[in-house]
Amino acid sequence: MTNLTAKDLDVLSQVMTAEEMACKKARIYSKTLTDAALAQEMERIANAHAQRFNALFTMIGGKS
């Protein structure tokens, strides 16, 4: 793990917040869409956002 500066951590925190919000929104959409194909795609998108969030969390030293 490389040493991260305060600025690096601030940027990572902002990106993680954005990924978390995008994941939550996509999950909500997946539950409210009536088209099954679109709902499934939104669930796939939510999972992709969750994976990116977890990768960033691991990068800053968190346990996943």
N, C-alpha and C. Protein backbone atom coordinates (compact mmCIF):
# COMPACT_ATOMS: atom_id res chain seq x y z
N MET A 1 0.85 -1.19 0.00
CA MET A 1 0.00 0.00 0.00
C MET A 1 0.88 1.24 0.00
N THR A 2 0.63 2.14 -0.90
CA THR A 2 1.39 3.39 -0.95
C THR A 2 0.83 4.35 0.09
N ASN A 3 1.66 5.28 0.49
CA ASN A 3 1.21 6.29 1.45
C ASN A 3 0.32 7.30 0.71
N LEU A 4 -0.83 7.54 1.27
CA LEU A 4 -1.77 8.48 0.68
C LEU A 4 -1.74 9.80 1.43
N THR A 5 -1.78 10.88 0.69
CA THR A 5 -1.81 12.20 1.31
C THR A 5 -3.23 12.51 1.77
N ALA A 6 -3.35 13.57 2.53
CA ALA A 6 -4.68 14.01 2.98
C ALA A 6 -5.55 14.35 1.77
N LYS A 7 -4.95 14.96 0.75
CA LYS A 7 -5.70 15.31 -0.47
C LYS A 7 -6.17 14.04 -1.18
N ASP A 8 -5.29 13.02 -1.25
CA ASP A 8 -5.67 11.74 -1.86
C ASP A 8 -6.87 11.14 -1.13
N LEU A 9 -6.80 11.14 0.19
CA LEU A 9 -7.90 10.57 0.98
C LEU A 9 -9.19 11.36 0.81
N ASP A 10 -9.07 12.68 0.68
CA ASP A 10 -10.25 13.51 0.46
C ASP A 10 -10.91 13.17 -0.87
N VAL A 11 -10.09 13.04 -1.91
CA VAL A 11 -10.63 12.71 -3.23
C VAL A 11 -11.25 11.31 -3.22
N LEU A 12 -10.55 10.34 -2.62
CA LEU A 12 -11.10 8.99 -2.52
C LEU A 12 -12.42 8.98 -1.77
N SER A 13 -12.51 9.76 -0.71
CA SER A 13 -13.74 9.85 0.06
C SER A 13 -14.89 10.38 -0.79
N GLN A 14 -14.61 11.39 -1.59
CA GLN A 14 -15.65 11.95 -2.47
C GLN A 14 -16.09 10.94 -3.52
N VAL A 15 -15.12 10.23 -4.10
CA VAL A 15 -15.45 9.23 -5.12
C VAL A 15 -16.25 8.08 -4.49
N MET A 16 -15.86 7.68 -3.29
CA MET A 16 -16.59 6.61 -2.61
C MET A 16 -18.03 7.02 -2.31
N THR A 17 -18.21 8.26 -1.90
CA THR A 17 -19.57 8.76 -1.64
C THR A 17 -20.40 8.72 -2.92
N ALA A 18 -19.80 9.13 -4.03
CA ALA A 18 -20.51 9.11 -5.31
C ALA A 18 -20.86 7.68 -5.72
N GLU A 19 -19.92 6.76 -5.55
CA GLU A 19 -20.18 5.35 -5.90
C GLU A 19 -21.29 4.77 -5.02
N GLU A 20 -21.26 5.11 -3.74
CA GLU A 20 -22.29 4.61 -2.82
C GLU A 20 -23.67 5.12 -3.21
N MET A 21 -23.75 6.41 -3.54
CA MET A 21 -25.04 6.99 -3.94
C MET A 21 -25.54 6.39 -5.26
N ALA A 22 -24.64 6.22 -6.21
CA ALA A 22 -25.03 5.63 -7.49
C ALA A 22 -25.52 4.20 -7.30
N CYS A 23 -24.87 3.46 -6.43
CA CYS A 23 -25.29 2.08 -6.13
C CYS A 23 -26.69 2.07 -5.53
N LYS A 24 -26.91 2.92 -4.54
CA LYS A 24 -28.22 2.98 -3.88
C LYS A 24 -29.33 3.36 -4.87
N LYS A 25 -29.05 4.36 -5.71
CA LYS A 25 -30.06 4.79 -6.68
C LYS A 25 -30.37 3.68 -7.69
N ALA A 26 -29.33 3.01 -8.17
CA ALA A 26 -29.55 1.94 -9.13
C ALA A 26 -30.35 0.80 -8.50
N ARG A 27 -30.10 0.49 -7.23
CA ARG A 27 -30.87 -0.56 -6.55
C ARG A 27 -32.34 -0.16 -6.40
N ILE A 28 -32.57 1.11 -6.08
CA ILE A 28 -33.95 1.60 -5.97
C ILE A 28 -34.64 1.49 -7.33
N TYR A 29 -33.96 1.94 -8.37
CA TYR A 29 -34.53 1.85 -9.72
C TYR A 29 -34.82 0.40 -10.09
N SER A 30 -33.92 -0.51 -9.74
CA SER A 30 -34.11 -1.91 -10.11
C SER A 30 -35.36 -2.50 -9.44
N LYS A 31 -35.71 -1.95 -8.27
CA LYS A 31 -36.89 -2.46 -7.56
C LYS A 31 -38.19 -1.80 -8.02
N THR A 32 -38.08 -0.64 -8.66
CA THR A 32 -39.30 0.08 -9.05
C THR A 32 -39.63 -0.05 -10.53
N LEU A 33 -38.66 -0.46 -11.35
CA LEU A 33 -38.93 -0.60 -12.79
C LEU A 33 -39.84 -1.79 -13.04
N THR A 34 -40.77 -1.61 -13.96
CA THR A 34 -41.69 -2.71 -14.29
C THR A 34 -41.17 -3.57 -15.44
N ASP A 35 -40.26 -3.03 -16.23
CA ASP A 35 -39.63 -3.80 -17.31
C ASP A 35 -38.54 -4.67 -16.70
N ALA A 36 -38.70 -5.99 -16.78
CA ALA A 36 -37.76 -6.91 -16.13
C ALA A 36 -36.34 -6.77 -16.66
N ALA A 37 -36.18 -6.54 -17.95
CA ALA A 37 -34.85 -6.40 -18.53
C ALA A 37 -34.15 -5.15 -18.00
N LEU A 38 -34.89 -4.05 -17.90
CA LEU A 38 -34.31 -2.82 -17.36
C LEU A 38 -33.99 -2.97 -15.87
N ALA A 39 -34.85 -3.64 -15.15
CA ALA A 39 -34.62 -3.86 -13.72
C ALA A 39 -33.36 -4.70 -13.52
N GLN A 40 -33.19 -5.70 -14.35
CA GLN A 40 -32.00 -6.55 -14.26
C GLN A 40 -30.74 -5.75 -14.60
N GLU A 41 -30.82 -4.89 -15.59
CA GLU A 41 -29.68 -4.05 -15.96
C GLU A 41 -29.34 -3.07 -14.83
N MET A 42 -30.34 -2.51 -14.18
CA MET A 42 -30.09 -1.61 -13.06
C MET A 42 -29.43 -2.36 -11.90
N GLU A 43 -29.82 -3.59 -11.68
CA GLU A 43 -29.19 -4.40 -10.63
C GLU A 43 -27.73 -4.67 -10.99
N ARG A 44 -27.44 -4.94 -12.27
CA ARG A 44 -26.07 -5.14 -12.72
C ARG A 44 -25.24 -3.87 -12.50
N ILE A 45 -25.83 -2.74 -12.82
CA ILE A 45 -25.15 -1.45 -12.63
C ILE A 45 -24.89 -1.21 -11.13
N ALA A 46 -25.87 -1.50 -10.29
CA ALA A 46 -25.70 -1.34 -8.84
C ALA A 46 -24.54 -2.20 -8.35
N ASN A 47 -24.46 -3.43 -8.83
CA ASN A 47 -23.39 -4.32 -8.42
C ASN A 47 -22.02 -3.80 -8.87
N ALA A 48 -21.96 -3.21 -10.05
CA ALA A 48 -20.70 -2.64 -10.55
C ALA A 48 -20.27 -1.47 -9.66
N HIS A 49 -21.20 -0.63 -9.27
CA HIS A 49 -20.88 0.48 -8.37
C HIS A 49 -20.42 -0.04 -7.01
N ALA A 50 -21.06 -1.08 -6.51
CA ALA A 50 -20.68 -1.67 -5.23
C ALA A 50 -19.27 -2.25 -5.31
N GLN A 51 -18.93 -2.89 -6.42
CA GLN A 51 -17.58 -3.43 -6.58
C GLN A 51 -16.53 -2.32 -6.59
N ARG A 52 -16.82 -1.23 -7.27
CA ARG A 52 -15.88 -0.11 -7.28
C ARG A 52 -15.73 0.50 -5.88
N PHE A 53 -16.85 0.64 -5.17
CA PHE A 53 -16.80 1.15 -3.80
C PHE A 53 -15.91 0.25 -2.94
N ASN A 54 -16.11 -1.06 -3.03
CA ASN A 54 -15.32 -2.00 -2.23
C ASN A 54 -13.84 -1.95 -2.60
N ALA A 55 -13.52 -1.78 -3.88
CA ALA A 55 -12.12 -1.68 -4.30
C ALA A 55 -11.49 -0.42 -3.72
N LEU A 56 -12.20 0.67 -3.72
CA LEU A 56 -11.68 1.92 -3.13
C LEU A 56 -11.51 1.78 -1.63
N PHE A 57 -12.47 1.13 -1.00
CA PHE A 57 -12.42 0.91 0.46
C PHE A 57 -11.18 0.09 0.82
N THR A 58 -10.92 -0.94 0.03
CA THR A 58 -9.73 -1.76 0.25
C THR A 58 -8.46 -0.95 0.03
N MET A 59 -8.48 -0.06 -0.96
CA MET A 59 -7.32 0.78 -1.28
C MET A 59 -6.91 1.65 -0.09
N ILE A 60 -7.89 2.13 0.67
CA ILE A 60 -7.55 2.99 1.80
C ILE A 60 -7.29 2.20 3.08
N GLY A 61 -7.29 0.89 2.95
CA GLY A 61 -6.92 0.07 4.10
C GLY A 61 -8.08 -0.54 4.84
N GLY A 62 -9.28 -0.42 4.28
CA GLY A 62 -10.44 -1.02 4.93
C GLY A 62 -10.50 -2.51 4.67
N LYS A 63 -11.24 -3.20 5.47
CA LYS A 63 -11.44 -4.65 5.29
C LYS A 63 -12.76 -4.86 4.55
N SER A 64 -12.74 -5.69 3.51
CA SER A 64 -14.00 -5.94 2.78
C SER A 64 -14.44 -7.36 2.93
